[in-house]
Amino acid sequence: MVWTLELASYLDDAPWPANKAELIDYSQRTGAPQEVIENLRDLEETDEPYESIEEIWLDYPTKEDFFYDDEEKDF
């Protein structure tokens, strides 16, 4: 399973929380690339729904990862 920001972006508007089958159905209905659907099929079966993309892709970059503080620059 390989996620990229581009692939994960297809799940931005997914109906969270959602289980594996719901996410696959959503991806198919919205025309997500086959790679997204294959990644979702590789998820383990669980009784609990996934709350967000962060539960699927543990290394999903957050807004904090892109925060840049001008005061921390080295000149």
N, C-alpha and C. Protein backbone atom coordinates (compact mmCIF):
# COMPACT_ATOMS: atom_id res chain seq x y z
N MET A 1 0.85 -1.17 0.00
CA MET A 1 0.00 0.00 0.00
C MET A 1 0.90 1.23 0.00
N VAL A 2 0.73 2.06 -1.01
CA VAL A 2 1.53 3.27 -1.13
C VAL A 2 0.58 4.46 -1.27
N TRP A 3 0.71 5.39 -0.33
CA TRP A 3 -0.11 6.60 -0.37
C TRP A 3 0.76 7.79 -0.74
N THR A 4 0.19 8.70 -1.49
CA THR A 4 0.80 9.98 -1.77
C THR A 4 -0.22 11.05 -1.42
N LEU A 5 0.22 12.29 -1.36
CA LEU A 5 -0.73 13.38 -1.08
C LEU A 5 -1.81 13.44 -2.15
N GLU A 6 -1.42 13.21 -3.39
CA GLU A 6 -2.40 13.25 -4.47
C GLU A 6 -3.46 12.16 -4.30
N LEU A 7 -3.03 10.94 -3.99
CA LEU A 7 -3.99 9.85 -3.80
C LEU A 7 -4.87 10.10 -2.58
N ALA A 8 -4.26 10.53 -1.49
CA ALA A 8 -5.03 10.78 -0.26
C ALA A 8 -6.04 11.91 -0.46
N SER A 9 -5.75 12.84 -1.35
CA SER A 9 -6.67 13.97 -1.56
C SER A 9 -8.03 13.51 -2.08
N TYR A 10 -8.09 12.35 -2.69
CA TYR A 10 -9.38 11.83 -3.17
C TYR A 10 -10.30 11.42 -2.03
N LEU A 11 -9.76 11.34 -0.82
CA LEU A 11 -10.57 10.98 0.34
C LEU A 11 -10.87 12.18 1.23
N ASP A 12 -10.49 13.39 0.79
CA ASP A 12 -10.72 14.58 1.60
C ASP A 12 -12.19 14.76 1.99
N ASP A 13 -13.07 14.52 1.04
CA ASP A 13 -14.50 14.72 1.29
C ASP A 13 -15.25 13.43 1.57
N ALA A 14 -14.52 12.38 1.90
CA ALA A 14 -15.16 11.09 2.21
C ALA A 14 -16.06 11.24 3.42
N PRO A 15 -17.07 10.39 3.51
CA PRO A 15 -18.02 10.49 4.64
C PRO A 15 -17.45 9.88 5.92
N TRP A 16 -16.51 10.60 6.54
CA TRP A 16 -15.89 10.11 7.78
C TRP A 16 -16.87 10.21 8.93
N PRO A 17 -16.87 9.33 9.88
CA PRO A 17 -16.18 8.03 9.91
C PRO A 17 -16.81 7.07 8.90
N ALA A 18 -15.98 6.17 8.40
CA ALA A 18 -16.44 5.22 7.39
C ALA A 18 -15.64 3.92 7.51
N ASN A 19 -16.32 2.83 7.18
CA ASN A 19 -15.61 1.56 7.19
C ASN A 19 -14.97 1.32 5.82
N LYS A 20 -14.25 0.25 5.69
CA LYS A 20 -13.50 -0.07 4.47
C LYS A 20 -14.43 -0.11 3.26
N ALA A 21 -15.55 -0.80 3.36
CA ALA A 21 -16.48 -0.94 2.23
C ALA A 21 -17.05 0.42 1.82
N GLU A 22 -17.38 1.25 2.79
CA GLU A 22 -17.91 2.58 2.48
C GLU A 22 -16.88 3.45 1.76
N LEU A 23 -15.63 3.36 2.18
CA LEU A 23 -14.58 4.14 1.54
C LEU A 23 -14.32 3.66 0.11
N ILE A 24 -14.36 2.36 -0.10
CA ILE A 24 -14.19 1.82 -1.45
C ILE A 24 -15.34 2.27 -2.33
N ASP A 25 -16.56 2.17 -1.83
CA ASP A 25 -17.74 2.60 -2.57
C ASP A 25 -17.66 4.09 -2.92
N TYR A 26 -17.29 4.90 -1.95
CA TYR A 26 -17.15 6.34 -2.17
C TYR A 26 -16.10 6.61 -3.25
N SER A 27 -14.98 5.94 -3.17
CA SER A 27 -13.90 6.15 -4.14
C SER A 27 -14.32 5.76 -5.56
N GLN A 28 -15.06 4.68 -5.66
CA GLN A 28 -15.54 4.25 -6.98
C GLN A 28 -16.55 5.24 -7.54
N ARG A 29 -17.46 5.72 -6.70
CA ARG A 29 -18.49 6.65 -7.16
C ARG A 29 -17.93 8.01 -7.55
N THR A 30 -16.84 8.42 -6.92
CA THR A 30 -16.27 9.73 -7.20
C THR A 30 -15.18 9.70 -8.26
N GLY A 31 -14.90 8.53 -8.79
CA GLY A 31 -13.93 8.42 -9.87
C GLY A 31 -12.48 8.50 -9.44
N ALA A 32 -12.20 8.06 -8.23
CA ALA A 32 -10.81 8.05 -7.75
C ALA A 32 -9.99 7.07 -8.58
N PRO A 33 -8.70 7.33 -8.70
CA PRO A 33 -7.84 6.41 -9.45
C PRO A 33 -7.83 5.01 -8.85
N GLN A 34 -7.53 4.04 -9.68
CA GLN A 34 -7.50 2.65 -9.25
C GLN A 34 -6.54 2.43 -8.08
N GLU A 35 -5.46 3.22 -8.01
CA GLU A 35 -4.50 3.08 -6.91
C GLU A 35 -5.14 3.34 -5.55
N VAL A 36 -6.07 4.29 -5.51
CA VAL A 36 -6.77 4.60 -4.25
C VAL A 36 -7.61 3.40 -3.84
N ILE A 37 -8.34 2.85 -4.77
CA ILE A 37 -9.21 1.71 -4.49
C ILE A 37 -8.39 0.50 -4.06
N GLU A 38 -7.27 0.27 -4.74
CA GLU A 38 -6.39 -0.85 -4.36
C GLU A 38 -5.82 -0.66 -2.96
N ASN A 39 -5.42 0.56 -2.63
CA ASN A 39 -4.92 0.84 -1.29
C ASN A 39 -5.99 0.58 -0.24
N LEU A 40 -7.21 0.96 -0.54
CA LEU A 40 -8.30 0.73 0.42
C LEU A 40 -8.60 -0.76 0.55
N ARG A 41 -8.51 -1.49 -0.52
CA ARG A 41 -8.74 -2.94 -0.46
C ARG A 41 -7.68 -3.64 0.38
N ASP A 42 -6.48 -3.04 0.47
CA ASP A 42 -5.40 -3.62 1.26
C ASP A 42 -5.56 -3.37 2.75
N LEU A 43 -6.53 -2.52 3.14
CA LEU A 43 -6.74 -2.24 4.56
C LEU A 43 -7.23 -3.50 5.26
N GLU A 44 -6.88 -3.62 6.53
CA GLU A 44 -7.36 -4.77 7.29
C GLU A 44 -8.84 -4.59 7.63
N GLU A 45 -9.51 -5.71 7.74
CA GLU A 45 -10.93 -5.70 8.13
C GLU A 45 -11.01 -5.37 9.61
N THR A 46 -11.87 -4.44 9.95
CA THR A 46 -12.04 -4.05 11.34
C THR A 46 -13.50 -3.73 11.61
N ASP A 47 -13.92 -3.93 12.84
CA ASP A 47 -15.31 -3.62 13.21
C ASP A 47 -15.50 -2.12 13.43
N GLU A 48 -14.43 -1.44 13.76
CA GLU A 48 -14.49 -0.01 14.02
C GLU A 48 -14.29 0.78 12.73
N PRO A 49 -15.07 1.83 12.52
CA PRO A 49 -14.86 2.66 11.32
C PRO A 49 -13.60 3.49 11.45
N TYR A 50 -13.06 3.88 10.32
CA TYR A 50 -11.91 4.78 10.29
C TYR A 50 -12.45 6.20 10.47
N GLU A 51 -11.81 6.95 11.36
CA GLU A 51 -12.27 8.30 11.67
C GLU A 51 -11.75 9.35 10.69
N SER A 52 -10.60 9.08 10.08
CA SER A 52 -10.00 10.05 9.16
C SER A 52 -8.89 9.37 8.37
N ILE A 53 -8.34 10.10 7.40
CA ILE A 53 -7.24 9.57 6.59
C ILE A 53 -6.03 9.27 7.46
N GLU A 54 -5.87 9.97 8.58
CA GLU A 54 -4.73 9.73 9.46
C GLU A 54 -4.72 8.31 10.03
N GLU A 55 -5.89 7.68 10.14
CA GLU A 55 -5.96 6.31 10.63
C GLU A 55 -5.60 5.30 9.53
N ILE A 56 -5.70 5.73 8.30
CA ILE A 56 -5.37 4.87 7.17
C ILE A 56 -3.91 5.02 6.79
N TRP A 57 -3.47 6.27 6.70
CA TRP A 57 -2.09 6.59 6.34
C TRP A 57 -1.48 7.27 7.55
N LEU A 58 -0.77 6.50 8.36
CA LEU A 58 -0.25 7.00 9.63
C LEU A 58 0.72 8.16 9.47
N ASP A 59 1.39 8.25 8.33
CA ASP A 59 2.35 9.32 8.09
C ASP A 59 1.73 10.49 7.32
N TYR A 60 0.42 10.58 7.30
CA TYR A 60 -0.27 11.65 6.59
C TYR A 60 0.21 13.00 7.11
N PRO A 61 0.73 13.85 6.23
CA PRO A 61 1.21 15.15 6.70
C PRO A 61 0.06 16.05 7.13
N THR A 62 0.24 16.71 8.24
CA THR A 62 -0.77 17.63 8.73
C THR A 62 -0.34 19.06 8.42
N LYS A 63 -1.22 20.01 8.69
CA LYS A 63 -0.88 21.41 8.47
C LYS A 63 0.34 21.81 9.28
N GLU A 64 0.51 21.23 10.44
CA GLU A 64 1.66 21.54 11.28
C GLU A 64 2.97 21.14 10.62
N ASP A 65 2.94 20.11 9.78
CA ASP A 65 4.15 19.67 9.08
C ASP A 65 4.63 20.72 8.08
N PHE A 66 3.72 21.57 7.64
CA PHE A 66 4.05 22.58 6.65
C PHE A 66 4.22 23.97 7.27
N PHE A 67 4.09 24.08 8.59
CA PHE A 67 4.21 25.35 9.26
C PHE A 67 5.66 25.79 9.25
N TYR A 68 5.86 27.02 8.88
CA TYR A 68 7.22 27.56 8.82
C TYR A 68 7.25 28.86 9.60
N ASP A 69 8.11 28.93 10.56
CA ASP A 69 8.21 30.11 11.41
C ASP A 69 9.41 30.94 10.97
N ASP A 70 9.16 32.17 10.56
CA ASP A 70 10.24 33.04 10.09
C ASP A 70 11.31 33.27 11.15
N GLU A 71 10.94 33.22 12.40
CA GLU A 71 11.89 33.47 13.48
C GLU A 71 12.92 32.35 13.62
N GLU A 72 12.62 31.18 13.06
CA GLU A 72 13.51 30.04 13.19
C GLU A 72 14.53 29.95 12.05
N LYS A 73 14.48 30.90 11.12
CA LYS A 73 15.42 30.87 10.01
C LYS A 73 16.83 31.14 10.48
N ASP A 74 17.75 30.43 9.88
CA ASP A 74 19.17 30.68 10.14
C ASP A 74 19.73 31.53 9.01
N PHE A 75 20.35 32.61 9.34
CA PHE A 75 20.95 33.47 8.32
C PHE A 75 22.43 33.36 8.36
